[in-house]
Amino acid sequence: MTERASIFDNPDGTDGSIDVSGFKKKTHDEKPHVSQDVIKAIAEGGSFPSREPVAAATTSVLRTRRRKRRSGRDIQLNVKVKQETYDGFWAIANSQNWVLAETLERALDALKVKLAQHA
């Protein structure tokens, strides 16, 4: 059985040492300075996403008031909705000064009535 070749063995028979005399250490003076504006322009041109925080559009106008009431509601409901649905839901809650759970309960009651009329 043959042994594996060592990565330190040199096939041309030399001792395997590497000549690094042509390399030199970079100094801070040799680094090119590029302004942040140029970097930003290149990144935007290359469609690189920014890591800067973006203000959420959904919390702008609609979530203006905090309404808390003790109601015995302790089950959380999370749903994904379209932006128009979210905006409309918050608009109704804000206009009536209802908490979100109350808005949902009233919407379900109205839907039950409408469905009963069509049955």
PDB file of N, CA and C in Angstrom:
ATOM      1  N   MET A   1       0.848  -1.171   0.000  1.00  0.00           N
ATOM      2  CA  MET A   1       0.000   0.000   0.000  1.00  0.00           C
ATOM      3  C   MET A   1       0.896   1.237   0.000  1.00  0.00           C
ATOM      4  N   THR A   2       0.567   2.199  -0.829  1.00  0.00           N
ATOM      5  CA  THR A   2       1.391   3.405  -0.922  1.00  0.00           C
ATOM      6  C   THR A   2       0.885   4.442   0.067  1.00  0.00           C
ATOM      7  N   GLU A   3       1.802   5.301   0.463  1.00  0.00           N
ATOM      8  CA  GLU A   3       1.429   6.375   1.384  1.00  0.00           C
ATOM      9  C   GLU A   3       1.034   7.607   0.580  1.00  0.00           C
ATOM     10  N   ARG A   4       0.240   8.420   1.203  1.00  0.00           N
ATOM     11  CA  ARG A   4      -0.161   9.671   0.555  1.00  0.00           C
ATOM     12  C   ARG A   4       1.032  10.601   0.457  1.00  0.00           C
ATOM     13  N   ALA A   5       1.028  11.381  -0.588  1.00  0.00           N
ATOM     14  CA  ALA A   5       2.092  12.357  -0.758  1.00  0.00           C
ATOM     15  C   ALA A   5       1.884  13.499   0.229  1.00  0.00           C
ATOM     16  N   SER A   6       2.955  13.991   0.747  1.00  0.00           N
ATOM     17  CA  SER A   6       2.889  15.103   1.684  1.00  0.00           C
ATOM     18  C   SER A   6       2.759  16.402   0.904  1.00  0.00           C
ATOM     19  N   ILE A   7       2.048  17.324   1.451  1.00  0.00           N
ATOM     20  CA  ILE A   7       1.921  18.622   0.774  1.00  0.00           C
ATOM     21  C   ILE A   7       3.231  19.390   0.831  1.00  0.00           C
ATOM     22  N   PHE A   8       4.154  18.930   1.676  1.00  0.00           N
ATOM     23  CA  PHE A   8       5.435  19.616   1.798  1.00  0.00           C
ATOM     24  C   PHE A   8       6.489  19.053   0.862  1.00  0.00           C
ATOM     25  N   ASP A   9       6.205  17.913   0.236  1.00  0.00           N
ATOM     26  CA  ASP A   9       7.141  17.335  -0.744  1.00  0.00           C
ATOM     27  C   ASP A   9       7.073  18.150  -2.022  1.00  0.00           C
ATOM     28  N   ASN A  10       8.205  18.475  -2.556  1.00  0.00           N
ATOM     29  CA  ASN A  10       8.272  19.253  -3.785  1.00  0.00           C
ATOM     30  C   ASN A  10       8.624  18.312  -4.939  1.00  0.00           C
ATOM     31  N   PRO A  11       7.808  18.247  -5.974  1.00  0.00           N
ATOM     32  CA  PRO A  11       8.052  17.283  -7.058  1.00  0.00           C
ATOM     33  C   PRO A  11       9.319  17.568  -7.861  1.00  0.00           C
ATOM     34  N   ASP A  12       9.831  18.795  -7.842  1.00  0.00           N
ATOM     35  CA  ASP A  12      11.020  19.074  -8.646  1.00  0.00           C
ATOM     36  C   ASP A  12      12.319  18.820  -7.883  1.00  0.00           C
ATOM     37  N   GLY A  13      12.207  18.318  -6.644  1.00  0.00           N
ATOM     38  CA  GLY A  13      13.403  17.941  -5.914  1.00  0.00           C
ATOM     39  C   GLY A  13      13.997  19.058  -5.074  1.00  0.00           C
ATOM     40  N   THR A  14      13.481  20.266  -5.142  1.00  0.00           N
ATOM     41  CA  THR A  14      14.020  21.340  -4.307  1.00  0.00           C
ATOM     42  C   THR A  14      13.515  21.175  -2.891  1.00  0.00           C
ATOM     43  N   ASP A  15      14.013  22.029  -2.008  1.00  0.00           N
ATOM     44  CA  ASP A  15      13.658  21.877  -0.599  1.00  0.00           C
ATOM     45  C   ASP A  15      12.245  22.383  -0.285  1.00  0.00           C
ATOM     46  N   GLY A  16      11.558  22.967  -1.236  1.00  0.00           N
ATOM     47  CA  GLY A  16      10.177  23.375  -1.041  1.00  0.00           C
ATOM     48  C   GLY A  16       9.997  24.747  -0.430  1.00  0.00           C
ATOM     49  N   SER A  17      11.084  25.435  -0.175  1.00  0.00           N
ATOM     50  CA  SER A  17      10.935  26.769   0.405  1.00  0.00           C
ATOM     51  C   SER A  17      10.442  27.731  -0.664  1.00  0.00           C
ATOM     52  N   ILE A  18       9.687  28.712  -0.228  1.00  0.00           N
ATOM     53  CA  ILE A  18       9.087  29.677  -1.134  1.00  0.00           C
ATOM     54  C   ILE A  18       9.812  31.001  -0.986  1.00  0.00           C
ATOM     55  N   ASP A  19      10.116  31.614  -2.115  1.00  0.00           N
ATOM     56  CA  ASP A  19      10.783  32.910  -2.090  1.00  0.00           C
ATOM     57  C   ASP A  19       9.739  34.004  -1.954  1.00  0.00           C
ATOM     58  N   VAL A  20       9.742  34.692  -0.838  1.00  0.00           N
ATOM     59  CA  VAL A  20       8.775  35.758  -0.592  1.00  0.00           C
ATOM     60  C   VAL A  20       9.446  37.124  -0.587  1.00  0.00           C
ATOM     61  N   SER A  21      10.641  37.211  -1.143  1.00  0.00           N
ATOM     62  CA  SER A  21      11.384  38.471  -1.105  1.00  0.00           C
ATOM     63  C   SER A  21      10.716  39.552  -1.963  1.00  0.00           C
ATOM     64  N   GLY A  22       9.898  39.175  -2.929  1.00  0.00           N
ATOM     65  CA  GLY A  22       9.238  40.151  -3.782  1.00  0.00           C
ATOM     66  C   GLY A  22       8.020  40.796  -3.138  1.00  0.00           C
ATOM     67  N   PHE A  23       7.584  40.269  -2.016  1.00  0.00           N
ATOM     68  CA  PHE A  23       6.419  40.821  -1.327  1.00  0.00           C
ATOM     69  C   PHE A  23       6.861  41.865  -0.313  1.00  0.00           C
ATOM     70  N   LYS A  24       6.046  42.879  -0.134  1.00  0.00           N
ATOM     71  CA  LYS A  24       6.337  43.858   0.909  1.00  0.00           C
ATOM     72  C   LYS A  24       5.049  44.198   1.637  1.00  0.00           C
ATOM     73  N   LYS A  25       5.175  44.646   2.836  1.00  0.00           N
ATOM     74  CA  LYS A  25       4.035  44.982   3.672  1.00  0.00           C
ATOM     75  C   LYS A  25       3.434  46.304   3.206  1.00  0.00           C
ATOM     76  N   LYS A  26       2.108  46.345   3.111  1.00  0.00           N
ATOM     77  CA  LYS A  26       1.442  47.580   2.729  1.00  0.00           C
ATOM     78  C   LYS A  26       1.406  48.532   3.920  1.00  0.00           C
ATOM     79  N   THR A  27       1.584  49.773   3.625  1.00  0.00           N
ATOM     80  CA  THR A  27       1.447  50.784   4.671  1.00  0.00           C
ATOM     81  C   THR A  27       0.096  51.457   4.518  1.00  0.00           C
ATOM     82  N   HIS A  28      -0.309  52.201   5.518  1.00  0.00           N
ATOM     83  CA  HIS A  28      -1.602  52.883   5.466  1.00  0.00           C
ATOM     84  C   HIS A  28      -1.644  53.939   4.368  1.00  0.00           C
ATOM     85  N   ASP A  29      -0.512  54.447   3.981  1.00  0.00           N
ATOM     86  CA  ASP A  29      -0.472  55.472   2.944  1.00  0.00           C
ATOM     87  C   ASP A  29      -0.825  54.900   1.576  1.00  0.00           C
ATOM     88  N   GLU A  30      -0.633  53.607   1.389  1.00  0.00           N
ATOM     89  CA  GLU A  30      -0.861  53.003   0.089  1.00  0.00           C
ATOM     90  C   GLU A  30      -2.330  52.648  -0.160  1.00  0.00           C
ATOM     91  N   LYS A  31      -3.152  52.683   0.878  1.00  0.00           N
ATOM     92  CA  LYS A  31      -4.559  52.317   0.702  1.00  0.00           C
ATOM     93  C   LYS A  31      -5.295  53.448  -0.009  1.00  0.00           C
ATOM     94  N   PRO A  32      -6.006  53.139  -1.077  1.00  0.00           N
ATOM     95  CA  PRO A  32      -6.761  54.191  -1.762  1.00  0.00           C
ATOM     96  C   PRO A  32      -7.962  54.608  -0.911  1.00  0.00           C
ATOM     97  N   HIS A  33      -8.224  55.888  -0.866  1.00  0.00           N
ATOM     98  CA  HIS A  33      -9.371  56.398  -0.114  1.00  0.00           C
ATOM     99  C   HIS A  33     -10.548  56.595  -1.065  1.00  0.00           C
ATOM    100  N   VAL A  34     -11.662  55.972  -0.729  1.00  0.00           N
ATOM    101  CA  VAL A  34     -12.869  56.088  -1.532  1.00  0.00           C
ATOM    102  C   VAL A  34     -13.945  56.682  -0.637  1.00  0.00           C
ATOM    103  N   SER A  35     -14.617  57.711  -1.123  1.00  0.00           N
ATOM    104  CA  SER A  35     -15.628  58.374  -0.306  1.00  0.00           C
ATOM    105  C   SER A  35     -16.873  57.492  -0.157  1.00  0.00           C
ATOM    106  N   GLN A  36     -17.622  57.730   0.898  1.00  0.00           N
ATOM    107  CA  GLN A  36     -18.844  56.957   1.157  1.00  0.00           C
ATOM    108  C   GLN A  36     -19.878  57.174   0.053  1.00  0.00           C
ATOM    109  N   ASP A  37     -19.894  58.354  -0.544  1.00  0.00           N
ATOM    110  CA  ASP A  37     -20.842  58.625  -1.631  1.00  0.00           C
ATOM    111  C   ASP A  37     -20.565  57.738  -2.844  1.00  0.00           C
ATOM    112  N   VAL A  38     -19.289  57.551  -3.155  1.00  0.00           N
ATOM    113  CA  VAL A  38     -18.916  56.703  -4.288  1.00  0.00           C
ATOM    114  C   VAL A  38     -19.296  55.256  -3.991  1.00  0.00           C
ATOM    115  N   ILE A  39     -19.029  54.810  -2.773  1.00  0.00           N
ATOM    116  CA  ILE A  39     -19.369  53.433  -2.385  1.00  0.00           C
ATOM    117  C   ILE A  39     -20.873  53.222  -2.474  1.00  0.00           C
ATOM    118  N   LYS A  40     -21.645  54.196  -1.992  1.00  0.00           N
ATOM    119  CA  LYS A  40     -23.098  54.087  -2.026  1.00  0.00           C
ATOM    120  C   LYS A  40     -23.612  54.046  -3.467  1.00  0.00           C
ATOM    121  N   ALA A  41     -23.044  54.878  -4.336  1.00  0.00           N
ATOM    122  CA  ALA A  41     -23.464  54.910  -5.738  1.00  0.00           C
ATOM    123  C   ALA A  41     -23.166  53.577  -6.428  1.00  0.00           C
ATOM    124  N   ILE A  42     -22.014  53.000  -6.141  1.00  0.00           N
ATOM    125  CA  ILE A  42     -21.661  51.715  -6.744  1.00  0.00           C
ATOM    126  C   ILE A  42     -22.592  50.624  -6.237  1.00  0.00           C
ATOM    127  N   ALA A  43     -22.868  50.636  -4.932  1.00  0.00           N
ATOM    128  CA  ALA A  43     -23.753  49.618  -4.351  1.00  0.00           C
ATOM    129  C   ALA A  43     -25.157  49.719  -4.928  1.00  0.00           C
ATOM    130  N   GLU A  44     -25.684  50.933  -5.053  1.00  0.00           N
ATOM    131  CA  GLU A  44     -27.023  51.106  -5.617  1.00  0.00           C
ATOM    132  C   GLU A  44     -27.049  50.718  -7.083  1.00  0.00           C
ATOM    133  N   GLY A  45     -25.981  51.008  -7.812  1.00  0.00           N
ATOM    134  CA  GLY A  45     -25.903  50.644  -9.223  1.00  0.00           C
ATOM    135  C   GLY A  45     -25.839  49.139  -9.416  1.00  0.00           C
ATOM    136  N   GLY A  46     -25.253  48.440  -8.446  1.00  0.00           N
ATOM    137  CA  GLY A  46     -25.152  46.986  -8.523  1.00  0.00           C
ATOM    138  C   GLY A  46     -26.296  46.271  -7.850  1.00  0.00           C
ATOM    139  N   SER A  47     -27.310  47.009  -7.421  1.00  0.00           N
ATOM    140  CA  SER A  47     -28.499  46.460  -6.761  1.00  0.00           C
ATOM    141  C   SER A  47     -28.174  45.718  -5.471  1.00  0.00           C
ATOM    142  N   PHE A  48     -27.170  46.196  -4.742  1.00  0.00           N
ATOM    143  CA  PHE A  48     -26.872  45.619  -3.448  1.00  0.00           C
ATOM    144  C   PHE A  48     -27.846  46.198  -2.426  1.00  0.00           C
ATOM    145  N   PRO A  49     -28.453  45.351  -1.592  1.00  0.00           N
ATOM    146  CA  PRO A  49     -29.395  45.873  -0.597  1.00  0.00           C
ATOM    147  C   PRO A  49     -28.666  46.625   0.510  1.00  0.00           C
ATOM    148  N   SER A  50     -29.273  47.676   0.968  1.00  0.00           N
ATOM    149  CA  SER A  50     -28.702  48.461   2.054  1.00  0.00           C
ATOM    150  C   SER A  50     -29.009  47.791   3.380  1.00  0.00           C
ATOM    151  N   ARG A  51     -28.101  47.918   4.330  1.00  0.00           N
ATOM    152  CA  ARG A  51     -28.337  47.394   5.673  1.00  0.00           C
ATOM    153  C   ARG A  51     -28.836  48.487   6.601  1.00  0.00           C
ATOM    154  N   GLU A  52     -29.064  49.645   6.065  1.00  0.00           N
ATOM    155  CA  GLU A  52     -29.593  50.748   6.865  1.00  0.00           C
ATOM    156  C   GLU A  52     -31.042  50.451   7.226  1.00  0.00           C
ATOM    157  N   PRO A  53     -31.464  50.801   8.425  1.00  0.00           N
ATOM    158  CA  PRO A  53     -32.860  50.545   8.795  1.00  0.00           C
ATOM    159  C   PRO A  53     -33.807  51.404   7.969  1.00  0.00           C
ATOM    160  N   VAL A  54     -34.926  50.820   7.630  1.00  0.00           N
ATOM    161  CA  VAL A  54     -35.941  51.511   6.844  1.00  0.00           C
ATOM    162  C   VAL A  54     -37.165  51.701   7.728  1.00  0.00           C
ATOM    163  N   ALA A  55     -37.711  52.892   7.740  1.00  0.00           N
ATOM    164  CA  ALA A  55     -38.902  53.151   8.536  1.00  0.00           C
ATOM    165  C   ALA A  55     -40.063  52.337   7.981  1.00  0.00           C
ATOM    166  N   ALA A  56     -40.773  51.680   8.854  1.00  0.00           N
ATOM    167  CA  ALA A  56     -41.904  50.863   8.428  1.00  0.00           C
ATOM    168  C   ALA A  56     -43.046  51.756   7.975  1.00  0.00           C
ATOM    169  N   ALA A  57     -43.595  51.448   6.821  1.00  0.00           N
ATOM    170  CA  ALA A  57     -44.679  52.259   6.271  1.00  0.00           C
ATOM    171  C   ALA A  57     -45.984  52.014   7.007  1.00  0.00           C
ATOM    172  N   THR A  58     -46.117  50.856   7.635  1.00  0.00           N
ATOM    173  CA  THR A  58     -47.385  50.514   8.265  1.00  0.00           C
ATOM    174  C   THR A  58     -47.603  51.218   9.596  1.00  0.00           C
ATOM    175  N   THR A  59     -46.559  51.754  10.191  1.00  0.00           N
ATOM    176  CA  THR A  59     -46.723  52.384  11.497  1.00  0.00           C
ATOM    177  C   THR A  59     -46.780  53.904  11.403  1.00  0.00           C
ATOM    178  N   SER A  60     -46.912  54.436  10.214  1.00  0.00           N
ATOM    179  CA  SER A  60     -46.829  55.879  10.045  1.00  0.00           C
ATOM    180  C   SER A  60     -48.025  56.620  10.639  1.00  0.00           C
ATOM    181  N   VAL A  61     -49.175  56.512  10.035  1.00  0.00           N
ATOM    182  CA  VAL A  61     -50.318  57.308  10.445  1.00  0.00           C
ATOM    183  C   VAL A  61     -51.329  56.477  11.229  1.00  0.00           C
ATOM    184  N   LEU A  62     -51.436  55.226  10.882  1.00  0.00           N
ATOM    185  CA  LEU A  62     -52.535  54.434  11.404  1.00  0.00           C
ATOM    186  C   LEU A  62     -52.394  54.104  12.882  1.00  0.00           C
ATOM    187  N   ARG A  63     -51.208  53.834  13.344  1.00  0.00           N
ATOM    188  CA  ARG A  63     -51.017  53.435  14.725  1.00  0.00           C
ATOM    189  C   ARG A  63     -50.695  54.664  15.575  1.00  0.00           C
ATOM    190  N   THR A  64     -51.613  55.579  15.632  1.00  0.00           N
ATOM    191  CA  THR A  64     -51.345  56.828  16.330  1.00  0.00           C
ATOM    192  C   THR A  64     -51.696  56.771  17.802  1.00  0.00           C
ATOM    193  N   ARG A  65     -52.726  56.055  18.158  1.00  0.00           N
ATOM    194  CA  ARG A  65     -53.189  56.023  19.544  1.00  0.00           C
ATOM    195  C   ARG A  65     -53.047  54.637  20.134  1.00  0.00           C
ATOM    196  N   ARG A  66     -52.665  54.593  21.394  1.00  0.00           N
ATOM    197  CA  ARG A  66     -52.620  53.327  22.106  1.00  0.00           C
ATOM    198  C   ARG A  66     -53.890  53.216  22.939  1.00  0.00           C
ATOM    199  N   ARG A  67     -54.644  52.155  22.735  1.00  0.00           N
ATOM    200  CA  ARG A  67     -55.863  51.941  23.500  1.00  0.00           C
ATOM    201  C   ARG A  67     -55.757  50.592  24.180  1.00  0.00           C
ATOM    202  N   LYS A  68     -55.812  50.606  25.499  1.00  0.00           N
ATOM    203  CA  LYS A  68     -55.791  49.351  26.236  1.00  0.00           C
ATOM    204  C   LYS A  68     -56.966  49.330  27.191  1.00  0.00           C
ATOM    205  N   ARG A  69     -57.643  48.232  27.188  1.00  0.00           N
ATOM    206  CA  ARG A  69     -58.748  48.041  28.117  1.00  0.00           C
ATOM    207  C   ARG A  69     -58.653  46.620  28.648  1.00  0.00           C
ATOM    208  N   ARG A  70     -59.004  46.455  29.893  1.00  0.00           N
ATOM    209  CA  ARG A  70     -59.069  45.105  30.453  1.00  0.00           C
ATOM    210  C   ARG A  70     -60.355  44.472  29.953  1.00  0.00           C
ATOM    211  N   SER A  71     -60.212  43.373  29.232  1.00  0.00           N
ATOM    212  CA  SER A  71     -61.392  42.796  28.601  1.00  0.00           C
ATOM    213  C   SER A  71     -61.464  41.282  28.755  1.00  0.00           C
ATOM    214  N   GLY A  72     -60.476  40.672  29.351  1.00  0.00           N
ATOM    215  CA  GLY A  72     -60.468  39.228  29.444  1.00  0.00           C
ATOM    216  C   GLY A  72     -59.954  38.546  28.195  1.00  0.00           C
ATOM    217  N   ARG A  73     -59.542  39.308  27.220  1.00  0.00           N
ATOM    218  CA  ARG A  73     -58.999  38.729  25.988  1.00  0.00           C
ATOM    219  C   ARG A  73     -57.545  38.346  26.246  1.00  0.00           C
ATOM    220  N   ASP A  74     -57.239  37.072  26.102  1.00  0.00           N
ATOM    221  CA  ASP A  74     -55.865  36.659  26.345  1.00  0.00           C
ATOM    222  C   ASP A  74     -55.332  35.688  25.290  1.00  0.00           C
ATOM    223  N   ILE A  75     -56.047  35.529  24.200  1.00  0.00           N
ATOM    224  CA  ILE A  75     -55.591  34.678  23.100  1.00  0.00           C
ATOM    225  C   ILE A  75     -55.159  35.595  21.962  1.00  0.00           C
ATOM    226  N   GLN A  76     -53.958  35.312  21.443  1.00  0.00           N
ATOM    227  CA  GLN A  76     -53.434  36.150  20.372  1.00  0.00           C
ATOM    228  C   GLN A  76     -53.764  35.542  19.019  1.00  0.00           C
ATOM    229  N   LEU A  77     -54.115  36.396  18.049  1.00  0.00           N
ATOM    230  CA  LEU A  77     -54.417  35.968  16.687  1.00  0.00           C
ATOM    231  C   LEU A  77     -53.516  36.757  15.739  1.00  0.00           C
ATOM    232  N   ASN A  78     -52.729  36.045  14.962  1.00  0.00           N
ATOM    233  CA  ASN A  78     -51.847  36.684  13.976  1.00  0.00           C
ATOM    234  C   ASN A  78     -52.255  36.232  12.594  1.00  0.00           C
ATOM    235  N   VAL A  79     -52.465  37.176  11.705  1.00  0.00           N
ATOM    236  CA  VAL A  79     -52.809  36.846  10.323  1.00  0.00           C
ATOM    237  C   VAL A  79     -52.015  37.733   9.387  1.00  0.00           C
ATOM    238  N   LYS A  80     -51.721  37.206   8.216  1.00  0.00           N
ATOM    239  CA  LYS A  80     -51.079  38.013   7.178  1.00  0.00           C
ATOM    240  C   LYS A  80     -52.173  38.563   6.286  1.00  0.00           C
ATOM    241  N   VAL A  81     -52.135  39.855   6.038  1.00  0.00           N
ATOM    242  CA  VAL A  81     -53.153  40.507   5.229  1.00  0.00           C
ATOM    243  C   VAL A  81     -52.481  41.422   4.210  1.00  0.00           C
ATOM    244  N   LYS A  82     -53.277  41.877   3.252  1.00  0.00           N
ATOM    245  CA  LYS A  82     -52.792  42.863   2.288  1.00  0.00           C
ATOM    246  C   LYS A  82     -52.693  44.218   2.977  1.00  0.00           C
ATOM    247  N   GLN A  83     -51.898  45.093   2.402  1.00  0.00           N
ATOM    248  CA  GLN A  83     -51.713  46.428   2.979  1.00  0.00           C
ATOM    249  C   GLN A  83     -53.027  47.192   3.067  1.00  0.00           C
ATOM    250  N   GLU A  84     -53.897  47.045   2.056  1.00  0.00           N
ATOM    251  CA  GLU A  84     -55.185  47.752   2.068  1.00  0.00           C
ATOM    252  C   GLU A  84     -56.058  47.267   3.226  1.00  0.00           C
ATOM    253  N   THR A  85     -56.041  45.965   3.491  1.00  0.00           N
ATOM    254  CA  THR A  85     -56.824  45.407   4.596  1.00  0.00           C
ATOM    255  C   THR A  85     -56.313  45.933   5.922  1.00  0.00           C
ATOM    256  N   TYR A  86     -55.004  45.948   6.085  1.00  0.00           N
ATOM    257  CA  TYR A  86     -54.378  46.455   7.307  1.00  0.00           C
ATOM    258  C   TYR A  86     -54.759  47.917   7.538  1.00  0.00           C
ATOM    259  N   ASP A  87     -54.610  48.733   6.485  1.00  0.00           N
ATOM    260  CA  ASP A  87     -54.927  50.156   6.596  1.00  0.00           C
ATOM    261  C   ASP A  87     -56.402  50.370   6.920  1.00  0.00           C
ATOM    262  N   GLY A  88     -57.282  49.613   6.259  1.00  0.00           N
ATOM    263  CA  GLY A  88     -58.716  49.751   6.502  1.00  0.00           C
ATOM    264  C   GLY A  88     -59.104  49.339   7.914  1.00  0.00           C
ATOM    265  N   PHE A  89     -58.497  48.271   8.401  1.00  0.00           N
ATOM    266  CA  PHE A  89     -58.781  47.784   9.750  1.00  0.00           C
ATOM    267  C   PHE A  89     -58.382  48.828  10.791  1.00  0.00           C
ATOM    268  N   TRP A  90     -57.171  49.379  10.640  1.00  0.00           N
ATOM    269  CA  TRP A  90     -56.713  50.416  11.570  1.00  0.00           C
ATOM    270  C   TRP A  90     -57.558  51.688  11.438  1.00  0.00           C
ATOM    271  N   ALA A  91     -57.972  52.026  10.231  1.00  0.00           N
ATOM    272  CA  ALA A  91     -58.787  53.230  10.033  1.00  0.00           C
ATOM    273  C   ALA A  91     -60.123  53.098  10.766  1.00  0.00           C
ATOM    274  N   ILE A  92     -60.751  51.934  10.680  1.00  0.00           N
ATOM    275  CA  ILE A  92     -62.016  51.719  11.380  1.00  0.00           C
ATOM    276  C   ILE A  92     -61.803  51.768  12.888  1.00  0.00           C
ATOM    277  N   ALA A  93     -60.765  51.078  13.367  1.00  0.00           N
ATOM    278  CA  ALA A  93     -60.487  51.065  14.803  1.00  0.00           C
ATOM    279  C   ALA A  93     -60.208  52.473  15.323  1.00  0.00           C
ATOM    280  N   ASN A  94     -59.435  53.248  14.581  1.00  0.00           N
ATOM    281  CA  ASN A  94     -59.126  54.617  15.007  1.00  0.00           C
ATOM    282  C   ASN A  94     -60.357  55.515  14.972  1.00  0.00           C
ATOM    283  N   SER A  95     -61.181  55.376  13.935  1.00  0.00           N
ATOM    284  CA  SER A  95     -62.344  56.265  13.811  1.00  0.00           C
ATOM    285  C   SER A  95     -63.374  56.001  14.897  1.00  0.00           C
ATOM    286  N   GLN A  96     -63.464  54.756  15.366  1.00  0.00           N
ATOM    287  CA  GLN A  96     -64.440  54.403  16.389  1.00  0.00           C
ATOM    288  C   GLN A  96     -63.832  54.364  17.793  1.00  0.00           C
ATOM    289  N   ASN A  97     -62.513  54.563  17.880  1.00  0.00           N
ATOM    290  CA  ASN A  97     -61.784  54.503  19.146  1.00  0.00           C
ATOM    291  C   ASN A  97     -61.954  53.130  19.807  1.00  0.00           C
ATOM    292  N   TRP A  98     -61.876  52.072  18.990  1.00  0.00           N
ATOM    293  CA  TRP A  98     -61.983  50.704  19.468  1.00  0.00           C
ATOM    294  C   TRP A  98     -60.590  50.100  19.541  1.00  0.00           C
ATOM    295  N   VAL A  99     -60.412  49.154  20.448  1.00  0.00           N
ATOM    296  CA  VAL A  99     -59.192  48.357  20.412  1.00  0.00           C
ATOM    297  C   VAL A  99     -59.327  47.386  19.241  1.00  0.00           C
ATOM    298  N   LEU A 100     -58.208  46.819  18.802  1.00  0.00           N
ATOM    299  CA  LEU A 100     -58.248  45.965  17.612  1.00  0.00           C
ATOM    300  C   LEU A 100     -59.125  44.734  17.824  1.00  0.00           C
ATOM    301  N   ALA A 101     -59.093  44.171  19.016  1.00  0.00           N
ATOM    302  CA  ALA A 101     -59.923  42.994  19.277  1.00  0.00           C
ATOM    303  C   ALA A 101     -61.399  43.341  19.173  1.00  0.00           C
ATOM    304  N   GLU A 102     -61.774  44.499  19.662  1.00  0.00           N
ATOM    305  CA  GLU A 102     -63.176  44.929  19.581  1.00  0.00           C
ATOM    306  C   GLU A 102     -63.577  45.138  18.116  1.00  0.00           C
ATOM    307  N   THR A 103     -62.689  45.695  17.336  1.00  0.00           N
ATOM    308  CA  THR A 103     -62.955  45.892  15.909  1.00  0.00           C
ATOM    309  C   THR A 103     -63.176  44.552  15.221  1.00  0.00           C
ATOM    310  N   LEU A 104     -62.336  43.580  15.528  1.00  0.00           N
ATOM    311  CA  LEU A 104     -62.481  42.250  14.940  1.00  0.00           C
ATOM    312  C   LEU A 104     -63.791  41.601  15.381  1.00  0.00           C
ATOM    313  N   GLU A 105     -64.124  41.697  16.659  1.00  0.00           N
ATOM    314  CA  GLU A 105     -65.366  41.104  17.153  1.00  0.00           C
ATOM    315  C   GLU A 105     -66.581  41.714  16.476  1.00  0.00           C
ATOM    316  N   ARG A 106     -66.591  43.014  16.318  1.00  0.00           N
ATOM    317  CA  ARG A 106     -67.720  43.678  15.663  1.00  0.00           C
ATOM    318  C   ARG A 106     -67.791  43.306  14.184  1.00  0.00           C
ATOM    319  N   ALA A 107     -66.636  43.166  13.547  1.00  0.00           N
ATOM    320  CA  ALA A 107     -66.620  42.764  12.136  1.00  0.00           C
ATOM    321  C   ALA A 107     -67.175  41.346  11.987  1.00  0.00           C
ATOM    322  N   LEU A 108     -66.814  40.447  12.891  1.00  0.00           N
ATOM    323  CA  LEU A 108     -67.342  39.082  12.835  1.00  0.00           C
ATOM    324  C   LEU A 108     -68.845  39.057  13.076  1.00  0.00           C
ATOM    325  N   ASP A 109     -69.322  39.863  14.030  1.00  0.00           N
ATOM    326  CA  ASP A 109     -70.768  39.941  14.286  1.00  0.00           C
ATOM    327  C   ASP A 109     -71.508  40.419  13.042  1.00  0.00           C
ATOM    328  N   ALA A 110     -70.971  41.452  12.378  1.00  0.00           N
ATOM    329  CA  ALA A 110     -71.598  41.980  11.169  1.00  0.00           C
ATOM    330  C   ALA A 110     -71.587  40.939  10.048  1.00  0.00           C
ATOM    331  N   LEU A 111     -70.518  40.174   9.941  1.00  0.00           N
ATOM    332  CA  LEU A 111     -70.427  39.138   8.919  1.00  0.00           C
ATOM    333  C   LEU A 111     -71.426  38.015   9.188  1.00  0.00           C
ATOM    334  N   LYS A 112     -71.597  37.647  10.457  1.00  0.00           N
ATOM    335  CA  LYS A 112     -72.563  36.611  10.801  1.00  0.00           C
ATOM    336  C   LYS A 112     -73.992  37.039  10.421  1.00  0.00           C
ATOM    337  N   VAL A 113     -74.320  38.303  10.687  1.00  0.00           N
ATOM    338  CA  VAL A 113     -75.638  38.824  10.325  1.00  0.00           C
ATOM    339  C   VAL A 113     -75.837  38.788   8.825  1.00  0.00           C
ATOM    340  N   LYS A 114     -74.819  39.227   8.087  1.00  0.00           N
ATOM    341  CA  LYS A 114     -74.917  39.258   6.625  1.00  0.00           C
ATOM    342  C   LYS A 114     -75.056  37.846   6.040  1.00  0.00           C
ATOM    343  N   LEU A 115     -74.299  36.904   6.586  1.00  0.00           N
ATOM    344  CA  LEU A 115     -74.378  35.520   6.113  1.00  0.00           C
ATOM    345  C   LEU A 115     -75.739  34.899   6.437  1.00  0.00           C
ATOM    346  N   ALA A 116     -76.309  35.242   7.588  1.00  0.00           N
ATOM    347  CA  ALA A 116     -77.617  34.717   7.964  1.00  0.00           C
ATOM    348  C   ALA A 116     -78.706  35.252   7.034  1.00  0.00           C
ATOM    349  N   GLN A 117     -78.558  36.484   6.553  1.00  0.00           N
ATOM    350  CA  GLN A 117     -79.529  37.073   5.644  1.00  0.00           C
ATOM    351  C   GLN A 117     -79.517  36.381   4.291  1.00  0.00           C
ATOM    352  N   HIS A 118     -78.367  35.892   3.866  1.00  0.00           N
ATOM    353  CA  HIS A 118     -78.232  35.253   2.559  1.00  0.00           C
ATOM    354  C   HIS A 118     -78.524  33.757   2.606  1.00  0.00           C
ATOM    355  N   ALA A 119     -78.695  33.216   3.777  1.00  0.00           N
ATOM    356  CA  ALA A 119     -78.921  31.766   3.894  1.00  0.00           C
ATOM    357  C   ALA A 119     -80.343  31.367   3.653  1.00  0.00           C
TER     358      ALA A 119
END
